[in-house]
């Protein structure tokens, strides 16, 4: 998990993640979500806490890059343009 923390830290420091980075972050977020919510019976408290921390970091990166969490669809998508 330390490897992911270092990777996300580097992404936070960089401005604008590439499209491939964004897709990888989204996939990681989606994979971490059921673990964070402890939906899987095999999830330990430590695993759940690590997954939640990972999700929080990913959310900061995606939000900074103009993505929004869609509660209806449960996906990350580009934020709508507002005037």
PDB file of N, CA and C in Angstrom:
ATOM      1  N   UNK A   1       0.830  -1.189   0.000  1.00  0.00           N
ATOM      2  CA  UNK A   1       0.000   0.000   0.000  1.00  0.00           C
ATOM      3  C   UNK A   1       0.871   1.247   0.000  1.00  0.00           C
ATOM      4  N   UNK A   2       2.067   1.173   0.560  1.00  0.00           N
ATOM      5  CA  UNK A   2       2.982   2.309   0.556  1.00  0.00           C
ATOM      6  C   UNK A   2       3.301   2.727  -0.866  1.00  0.00           C
ATOM      7  N   UNK A   3       3.441   1.743  -1.763  1.00  0.00           N
ATOM      8  CA  UNK A   3       3.716   2.026  -3.167  1.00  0.00           C
ATOM      9  C   UNK A   3       2.630   2.918  -3.752  1.00  0.00           C
ATOM     10  N   UNK A   4       1.364   2.622  -3.453  1.00  0.00           N
ATOM     11  CA  UNK A   4       0.263   3.423  -3.957  1.00  0.00           C
ATOM     12  C   UNK A   4       0.277   4.817  -3.344  1.00  0.00           C
ATOM     13  N   UNK A   5       0.605   4.924  -2.068  1.00  0.00           N
ATOM     14  CA  UNK A   5       0.660   6.227  -1.414  1.00  0.00           C
ATOM     15  C   UNK A   5       1.712   7.116  -2.059  1.00  0.00           C
ATOM     16  N   UNK A   6       2.855   6.548  -2.387  1.00  0.00           N
ATOM     17  CA  UNK A   6       3.918   7.305  -3.049  1.00  0.00           C
ATOM     18  C   UNK A   6       3.454   7.724  -4.437  1.00  0.00           C
ATOM     19  N   UNK A   7       2.837   6.806  -5.177  1.00  0.00           N
ATOM     20  CA  UNK A   7       2.358   7.105  -6.518  1.00  0.00           C
ATOM     21  C   UNK A   7       1.325   8.233  -6.472  1.00  0.00           C
ATOM     22  N   UNK A   8       0.369   8.159  -5.556  1.00  0.00           N
ATOM     23  CA  UNK A   8      -0.658   9.181  -5.471  1.00  0.00           C
ATOM     24  C   UNK A   8      -0.070  10.509  -5.017  1.00  0.00           C
ATOM     25  N   UNK A   9       0.911  10.457  -4.151  1.00  0.00           N
ATOM     26  CA  UNK A   9       1.593  11.680  -3.717  1.00  0.00           C
ATOM     27  C   UNK A   9       2.254  12.379  -4.883  1.00  0.00           C
ATOM     28  N   UNK A  10       2.875  11.625  -5.753  1.00  0.00           N
ATOM     29  CA  UNK A  10       3.500  12.197  -6.944  1.00  0.00           C
ATOM     30  C   UNK A  10       2.444  12.779  -7.872  1.00  0.00           C
ATOM     31  N   UNK A  11       1.317  12.091  -8.004  1.00  0.00           N
ATOM     32  CA  UNK A  11       0.239  12.592  -8.855  1.00  0.00           C
ATOM     33  C   UNK A  11      -0.350  13.878  -8.288  1.00  0.00           C
ATOM     34  N   UNK A  12      -0.448  13.950  -6.975  1.00  0.00           N
ATOM     35  CA  UNK A  12      -0.973  15.165  -6.362  1.00  0.00           C
ATOM     36  C   UNK A  12      -0.050  16.346  -6.619  1.00  0.00           C
ATOM     37  N   UNK A  13       1.239  16.095  -6.607  1.00  0.00           N
ATOM     38  CA  UNK A  13       2.214  17.159  -6.816  1.00  0.00           C
ATOM     39  C   UNK A  13       2.228  17.629  -8.265  1.00  0.00           C
ATOM     40  N   UNK A  14       1.913  16.746  -9.185  1.00  0.00           N
ATOM     41  CA  UNK A  14       1.906  17.094 -10.607  1.00  0.00           C
ATOM     42  C   UNK A  14       0.586  17.770 -10.961  1.00  0.00           C
ATOM     43  N   UNK A  15       0.656  18.665 -11.928  1.00  0.00           N
ATOM     44  CA  UNK A  15      -0.592  19.309 -12.354  1.00  0.00           C
ATOM     45  C   UNK A  15      -1.110  18.614 -13.595  1.00  0.00           C
ATOM     46  N   UNK A  16      -2.332  18.142 -13.533  1.00  0.00           N
ATOM     47  CA  UNK A  16      -2.978  17.511 -14.671  1.00  0.00           C
ATOM     48  C   UNK A  16      -2.488  16.111 -14.955  1.00  0.00           C
ATOM     49  N   UNK A  17      -3.263  15.131 -14.572  1.00  0.00           N
ATOM     50  CA  UNK A  17      -2.936  13.739 -14.859  1.00  0.00           C
ATOM     51  C   UNK A  17      -3.295  13.423 -16.308  1.00  0.00           C
ATOM     52  N   UNK A  18      -2.543  12.522 -16.923  1.00  0.00           N
ATOM     53  CA  UNK A  18      -2.843  12.122 -18.299  1.00  0.00           C
ATOM     54  C   UNK A  18      -4.130  11.305 -18.318  1.00  0.00           C
ATOM     55  N   UNK A  19      -4.681  11.108 -19.515  1.00  0.00           N
ATOM     56  CA  UNK A  19      -5.914  10.325 -19.648  1.00  0.00           C
ATOM     57  C   UNK A  19      -5.713   8.913 -19.121  1.00  0.00           C
ATOM     58  N   UNK A  20      -4.548   8.320 -19.382  1.00  0.00           N
ATOM     59  CA  UNK A  20      -4.268   6.966 -18.893  1.00  0.00           C
ATOM     60  C   UNK A  20      -4.191   6.949 -17.373  1.00  0.00           C
ATOM     61  N   UNK A  21      -3.580   7.988 -16.790  1.00  0.00           N
ATOM     62  CA  UNK A  21      -3.500   8.082 -15.332  1.00  0.00           C
ATOM     63  C   UNK A  21      -4.897   8.212 -14.731  1.00  0.00           C
ATOM     64  N   UNK A  22      -5.727   9.034 -15.349  1.00  0.00           N
ATOM     65  CA  UNK A  22      -7.091   9.234 -14.860  1.00  0.00           C
ATOM     66  C   UNK A  22      -7.857   7.916 -14.886  1.00  0.00           C
ATOM     67  N   UNK A  23      -7.757   7.183 -15.988  1.00  0.00           N
ATOM     68  CA  UNK A  23      -8.458   5.899 -16.080  1.00  0.00           C
ATOM     69  C   UNK A  23      -7.942   4.915 -15.031  1.00  0.00           C
ATOM     70  N   UNK A  24      -6.625   4.889 -14.810  1.00  0.00           N
ATOM     71  CA  UNK A  24      -6.047   4.004 -13.799  1.00  0.00           C
ATOM     72  C   UNK A  24      -6.529   4.393 -12.400  1.00  0.00           C
ATOM     73  N   UNK A  25      -6.597   5.687 -12.137  1.00  0.00           N
ATOM     74  CA  UNK A  25      -7.077   6.146 -10.836  1.00  0.00           C
ATOM     75  C   UNK A  25      -8.547   5.785 -10.630  1.00  0.00           C
ATOM     76  N   UNK A  26      -9.354   5.973 -11.663  1.00  0.00           N
ATOM     77  CA  UNK A  26     -10.767   5.601 -11.568  1.00  0.00           C
ATOM     78  C   UNK A  26     -10.919   4.112 -11.258  1.00  0.00           C
ATOM     79  N   UNK A  27     -10.185   3.279 -11.983  1.00  0.00           N
ATOM     80  CA  UNK A  27     -10.269   1.829 -11.775  1.00  0.00           C
ATOM     81  C   UNK A  27      -9.839   1.453 -10.366  1.00  0.00           C
ATOM     82  N   UNK A  28      -8.796   2.102  -9.866  1.00  0.00           N
ATOM     83  CA  UNK A  28      -8.336   1.825  -8.500  1.00  0.00           C
ATOM     84  C   UNK A  28      -9.412   2.240  -7.492  1.00  0.00           C
ATOM     85  N   UNK A  29     -10.029   3.401  -7.726  1.00  0.00           N
ATOM     86  CA  UNK A  29     -11.099   3.878  -6.848  1.00  0.00           C
ATOM     87  C   UNK A  29     -12.248   2.882  -6.810  1.00  0.00           C
ATOM     88  N   UNK A  30     -12.664   2.437  -8.004  1.00  0.00           N
ATOM     89  CA  UNK A  30     -13.770   1.481  -8.086  1.00  0.00           C
ATOM     90  C   UNK A  30     -13.423   0.161  -7.387  1.00  0.00           C
ATOM     91  N   UNK A  31     -12.178  -0.274  -7.483  1.00  0.00           N
ATOM     92  CA  UNK A  31     -11.740  -1.512  -6.830  1.00  0.00           C
ATOM     93  C   UNK A  31     -11.677  -1.347  -5.313  1.00  0.00           C
ATOM     94  N   UNK A  32     -11.280  -0.162  -4.854  1.00  0.00           N
ATOM     95  CA  UNK A  32     -11.151   0.092  -3.418  1.00  0.00           C
ATOM     96  C   UNK A  32     -12.499   0.296  -2.731  1.00  0.00           C
ATOM     97  N   UNK A  33     -13.508   0.731  -3.474  1.00  0.00           N
ATOM     98  CA  UNK A  33     -14.791   1.107  -2.881  1.00  0.00           C
ATOM     99  C   UNK A  33     -15.436  -0.021  -2.062  1.00  0.00           C
ATOM    100  N   UNK A  34     -15.586  -1.232  -2.605  1.00  0.00           N
ATOM    101  CA  UNK A  34     -16.217  -2.283  -1.781  1.00  0.00           C
ATOM    102  C   UNK A  34     -15.355  -2.693  -0.588  1.00  0.00           C
ATOM    103  N   UNK A  35     -14.035  -2.570  -0.725  1.00  0.00           N
ATOM    104  CA  UNK A  35     -13.147  -2.912   0.392  1.00  0.00           C
ATOM    105  C   UNK A  35     -13.303  -1.864   1.492  1.00  0.00           C
ATOM    106  N   UNK A  36     -13.340  -0.600   1.101  1.00  0.00           N
ATOM    107  CA  UNK A  36     -13.511   0.493   2.072  1.00  0.00           C
ATOM    108  C   UNK A  36     -14.833   0.343   2.818  1.00  0.00           C
ATOM    109  N   UNK A  37     -15.851  -0.028   2.100  1.00  0.00           N
ATOM    110  CA  UNK A  37     -17.176  -0.179   2.706  1.00  0.00           C
ATOM    111  C   UNK A  37     -17.330  -1.519   3.414  1.00  0.00           C
ATOM    112  N   UNK A  38     -16.265  -2.318   3.423  1.00  0.00           N
ATOM    113  CA  UNK A  38     -16.226  -3.624   4.088  1.00  0.00           C
ATOM    114  C   UNK A  38     -17.356  -4.537   3.639  1.00  0.00           C
ATOM    115  N   UNK A  39     -17.670  -4.465   2.351  1.00  0.00           N
ATOM    116  CA  UNK A  39     -18.710  -5.316   1.791  1.00  0.00           C
ATOM    117  C   UNK A  39     -18.224  -6.760   1.707  1.00  0.00           C
ATOM    118  N   UNK A  40     -16.932  -6.919   1.431  1.00  0.00           N
ATOM    119  CA  UNK A  40     -16.367  -8.258   1.325  1.00  0.00           C
ATOM    120  C   UNK A  40     -16.113  -8.813   2.723  1.00  0.00           C
ATOM    121  N   UNK A  41     -16.525 -10.032   2.959  1.00  0.00           N
ATOM    122  CA  UNK A  41     -16.375 -10.645   4.288  1.00  0.00           C
ATOM    123  C   UNK A  41     -14.922 -10.849   4.683  1.00  0.00           C
ATOM    124  N   UNK A  42     -14.031 -10.939   3.700  1.00  0.00           N
ATOM    125  CA  UNK A  42     -12.623 -11.204   3.986  1.00  0.00           C
ATOM    126  C   UNK A  42     -11.833  -9.926   4.277  1.00  0.00           C
ATOM    127  N   UNK A  43     -12.487  -8.785   4.296  1.00  0.00           N
ATOM    128  CA  UNK A  43     -11.805  -7.509   4.505  1.00  0.00           C
ATOM    129  C   UNK A  43     -11.516  -7.297   5.984  1.00  0.00           C
ATOM    130  N   UNK A  44     -10.246  -7.027   6.305  1.00  0.00           N
ATOM    131  CA  UNK A  44      -9.881  -6.684   7.676  1.00  0.00           C
ATOM    132  C   UNK A  44     -10.061  -5.181   7.871  1.00  0.00           C
ATOM    133  N   UNK A  45     -10.069  -4.755   9.110  1.00  0.00           N
ATOM    134  CA  UNK A  45     -10.180  -3.322   9.402  1.00  0.00           C
ATOM    135  C   UNK A  45      -9.019  -2.558   8.776  1.00  0.00           C
ATOM    136  N   UNK A  46      -7.837  -3.141   8.824  1.00  0.00           N
ATOM    137  CA  UNK A  46      -6.646  -2.497   8.255  1.00  0.00           C
ATOM    138  C   UNK A  46      -6.788  -2.340   6.736  1.00  0.00           C
ATOM    139  N   UNK A  47      -7.286  -3.365   6.075  1.00  0.00           N
ATOM    140  CA  UNK A  47      -7.494  -3.291   4.628  1.00  0.00           C
ATOM    141  C   UNK A  47      -8.541  -2.241   4.289  1.00  0.00           C
ATOM    142  N   UNK A  48      -9.605  -2.203   5.063  1.00  0.00           N
ATOM    143  CA  UNK A  48     -10.664  -1.229   4.820  1.00  0.00           C
ATOM    144  C   UNK A  48     -10.142   0.189   5.010  1.00  0.00           C
ATOM    145  N   UNK A  49      -9.370   0.431   6.055  1.00  0.00           N
ATOM    146  CA  UNK A  49      -8.813   1.758   6.301  1.00  0.00           C
ATOM    147  C   UNK A  49      -7.853   2.167   5.185  1.00  0.00           C
ATOM    148  N   UNK A  50      -7.042   1.245   4.702  1.00  0.00           N
ATOM    149  CA  UNK A  50      -6.103   1.537   3.615  1.00  0.00           C
ATOM    150  C   UNK A  50      -6.860   1.857   2.327  1.00  0.00           C
ATOM    151  N   UNK A  51      -7.923   1.109   2.055  1.00  0.00           N
ATOM    152  CA  UNK A  51      -8.726   1.350   0.853  1.00  0.00           C
ATOM    153  C   UNK A  51      -9.416   2.708   0.938  1.00  0.00           C
ATOM    154  N   UNK A  52      -9.919   3.059   2.102  1.00  0.00           N
ATOM    155  CA  UNK A  52     -10.580   4.356   2.282  1.00  0.00           C
ATOM    156  C   UNK A  52      -9.583   5.503   2.109  1.00  0.00           C
ATOM    157  N   UNK A  53      -8.386   5.336   2.643  1.00  0.00           N
ATOM    158  CA  UNK A  53      -7.344   6.366   2.483  1.00  0.00           C
ATOM    159  C   UNK A  53      -6.970   6.511   1.011  1.00  0.00           C
ATOM    160  N   UNK A  54      -6.870   5.397   0.318  1.00  0.00           N
ATOM    161  CA  UNK A  54      -6.563   5.415  -1.104  1.00  0.00           C
ATOM    162  C   UNK A  54      -7.654   6.153  -1.876  1.00  0.00           C
ATOM    163  N   UNK A  55      -8.910   5.856  -1.565  1.00  0.00           N
ATOM    164  CA  UNK A  55     -10.039   6.510  -2.230  1.00  0.00           C
ATOM    165  C   UNK A  55     -10.019   8.016  -1.985  1.00  0.00           C
ATOM    166  N   UNK A  56      -9.699   8.420  -0.777  1.00  0.00           N
ATOM    167  CA  UNK A  56      -9.668   9.842  -0.440  1.00  0.00           C
ATOM    168  C   UNK A  56      -8.592  10.569  -1.253  1.00  0.00           C
ATOM    169  N   UNK A  57      -7.434   9.949  -1.373  1.00  0.00           N
ATOM    170  CA  UNK A  57      -6.344  10.541  -2.149  1.00  0.00           C
ATOM    171  C   UNK A  57      -6.712  10.617  -3.625  1.00  0.00           C
ATOM    172  N   UNK A  58      -7.276   9.544  -4.144  1.00  0.00           N
ATOM    173  CA  UNK A  58      -7.695   9.520  -5.552  1.00  0.00           C
ATOM    174  C   UNK A  58      -8.748  10.596  -5.802  1.00  0.00           C
ATOM    175  N   UNK A  59      -9.693  10.743  -4.892  1.00  0.00           N
ATOM    176  CA  UNK A  59     -10.750  11.749  -5.048  1.00  0.00           C
ATOM    177  C   UNK A  59     -10.155  13.153  -5.129  1.00  0.00           C
ATOM    178  N   UNK A  60      -9.137  13.430  -4.342  1.00  0.00           N
ATOM    179  CA  UNK A  60      -8.481  14.744  -4.386  1.00  0.00           C
ATOM    180  C   UNK A  60      -7.821  14.983  -5.743  1.00  0.00           C
ATOM    181  N   UNK A  61      -7.159  13.958  -6.263  1.00  0.00           N
ATOM    182  CA  UNK A  61      -6.488  14.078  -7.562  1.00  0.00           C
ATOM    183  C   UNK A  61      -7.517  14.294  -8.665  1.00  0.00           C
ATOM    184  N   UNK A  62      -8.557  13.464  -8.693  1.00  0.00           N
ATOM    185  CA  UNK A  62      -9.564  13.564  -9.742  1.00  0.00           C
ATOM    186  C   UNK A  62     -10.324  14.889  -9.663  1.00  0.00           C
ATOM    187  N   UNK A  63     -10.666  15.316  -8.473  1.00  0.00           N
ATOM    188  CA  UNK A  63     -11.362  16.591  -8.299  1.00  0.00           C
ATOM    189  C   UNK A  63     -10.498  17.751  -8.796  1.00  0.00           C
ATOM    190  N   UNK A  64      -9.222  17.716  -8.469  1.00  0.00           N
ATOM    191  CA  UNK A  64      -8.300  18.769  -8.914  1.00  0.00           C
ATOM    192  C   UNK A  64      -8.173  18.799 -10.435  1.00  0.00           C
ATOM    193  N   UNK A  65      -8.386  17.654 -11.068  1.00  0.00           N
ATOM    194  CA  UNK A  65      -8.290  17.570 -12.531  1.00  0.00           C
ATOM    195  C   UNK A  65      -9.631  17.770 -13.229  1.00  0.00           C
ATOM    196  N   UNK A  66     -10.657  18.213 -12.484  1.00  0.00           N
ATOM    197  CA  UNK A  66     -11.931  18.557 -13.104  1.00  0.00           C
ATOM    198  C   UNK A  66     -12.932  17.428 -13.216  1.00  0.00           C
ATOM    199  N   UNK A  67     -12.797  16.413 -12.368  1.00  0.00           N
ATOM    200  CA  UNK A  67     -13.740  15.299 -12.362  1.00  0.00           C
ATOM    201  C   UNK A  67     -14.648  15.401 -11.152  1.00  0.00           C
ATOM    202  N   UNK A  68     -15.875  14.911 -11.302  1.00  0.00           N
ATOM    203  CA  UNK A  68     -16.869  14.920 -10.232  1.00  0.00           C
ATOM    204  C   UNK A  68     -17.399  13.504 -10.022  1.00  0.00           C
ATOM    205  N   UNK A  69     -17.764  13.209  -8.778  1.00  0.00           N
ATOM    206  CA  UNK A  69     -18.375  11.926  -8.440  1.00  0.00           C
ATOM    207  C   UNK A  69     -19.854  12.022  -8.743  1.00  0.00           C
ATOM    208  N   UNK A  70     -20.352  11.123  -9.567  1.00  0.00           N
ATOM    209  CA  UNK A  70     -21.772  11.081  -9.925  1.00  0.00           C
ATOM    210  C   UNK A  70     -22.460  10.073  -9.010  1.00  0.00           C
ATOM    211  N   UNK A  71     -23.207  10.578  -8.032  1.00  0.00           N
ATOM    212  CA  UNK A  71     -23.881   9.705  -7.060  1.00  0.00           C
ATOM    213  C   UNK A  71     -24.935   8.813  -7.694  1.00  0.00           C
ATOM    214  N   UNK A  72     -25.555   9.295  -8.748  1.00  0.00           N
ATOM    215  CA  UNK A  72     -26.596   8.499  -9.396  1.00  0.00           C
ATOM    216  C   UNK A  72     -26.011   7.294 -10.119  1.00  0.00           C
ATOM    217  N   UNK A  73     -24.894   7.498 -10.805  1.00  0.00           N
ATOM    218  CA  UNK A  73     -24.272   6.428 -11.587  1.00  0.00           C
ATOM    219  C   UNK A  73     -23.142   5.722 -10.842  1.00  0.00           C
ATOM    220  N   UNK A  74     -22.699   6.301  -9.734  1.00  0.00           N
ATOM    221  CA  UNK A  74     -21.575   5.788  -8.946  1.00  0.00           C
ATOM    222  C   UNK A  74     -20.300   5.673  -9.791  1.00  0.00           C
ATOM    223  N   UNK A  75     -20.022   6.750 -10.530  1.00  0.00           N
ATOM    224  CA  UNK A  75     -18.813   6.804 -11.352  1.00  0.00           C
ATOM    225  C   UNK A  75     -18.189   8.191 -11.265  1.00  0.00           C
ATOM    226  N   UNK A  76     -16.912   8.268 -11.626  1.00  0.00           N
ATOM    227  CA  UNK A  76     -16.231   9.546 -11.809  1.00  0.00           C
ATOM    228  C   UNK A  76     -16.421   9.948 -13.258  1.00  0.00           C
ATOM    229  N   UNK A  77     -16.738  11.212 -13.481  1.00  0.00           N
ATOM    230  CA  UNK A  77     -16.911  11.734 -14.825  1.00  0.00           C
ATOM    231  C   UNK A  77     -16.447  13.185 -14.840  1.00  0.00           C
ATOM    232  N   UNK A  78     -16.194  13.718 -16.024  1.00  0.00           N
ATOM    233  CA  UNK A  78     -15.804  15.113 -16.128  1.00  0.00           C
ATOM    234  C   UNK A  78     -16.930  15.981 -15.587  1.00  0.00           C
ATOM    235  N   UNK A  79     -16.566  16.994 -14.820  1.00  0.00           N
ATOM    236  CA  UNK A  79     -17.569  17.893 -14.261  1.00  0.00           C
ATOM    237  C   UNK A  79     -18.216  18.685 -15.392  1.00  0.00           C
ATOM    238  N   UNK A  80     -19.515  18.912 -15.280  1.00  0.00           N
ATOM    239  CA  UNK A  80     -20.187  19.729 -16.304  1.00  0.00           C
ATOM    240  C   UNK A  80     -19.688  21.162 -16.233  1.00  0.00           C
ATOM    241  N   UNK A  81     -19.645  21.793 -17.382  1.00  0.00           N
ATOM    242  CA  UNK A  81     -19.238  23.195 -17.455  1.00  0.00           C
ATOM    243  C   UNK A  81     -20.377  24.042 -16.913  1.00  0.00           C
ATOM    244  N   UNK A  82     -20.049  24.998 -16.058  1.00  0.00           N
ATOM    245  CA  UNK A  82     -21.057  25.924 -15.527  1.00  0.00           C
ATOM    246  C   UNK A  82     -20.636  27.339 -15.830  1.00  0.00           C
ATOM    247  N   UNK A  83     -21.585  28.179 -16.029  1.00  0.00           N
ATOM    248  CA  UNK A  83     -21.301  29.612 -16.308  1.00  0.00           C
ATOM    249  C   UNK A  83     -21.700  30.460 -15.141  1.00  0.00           C
TER     250      UNK A  83
END
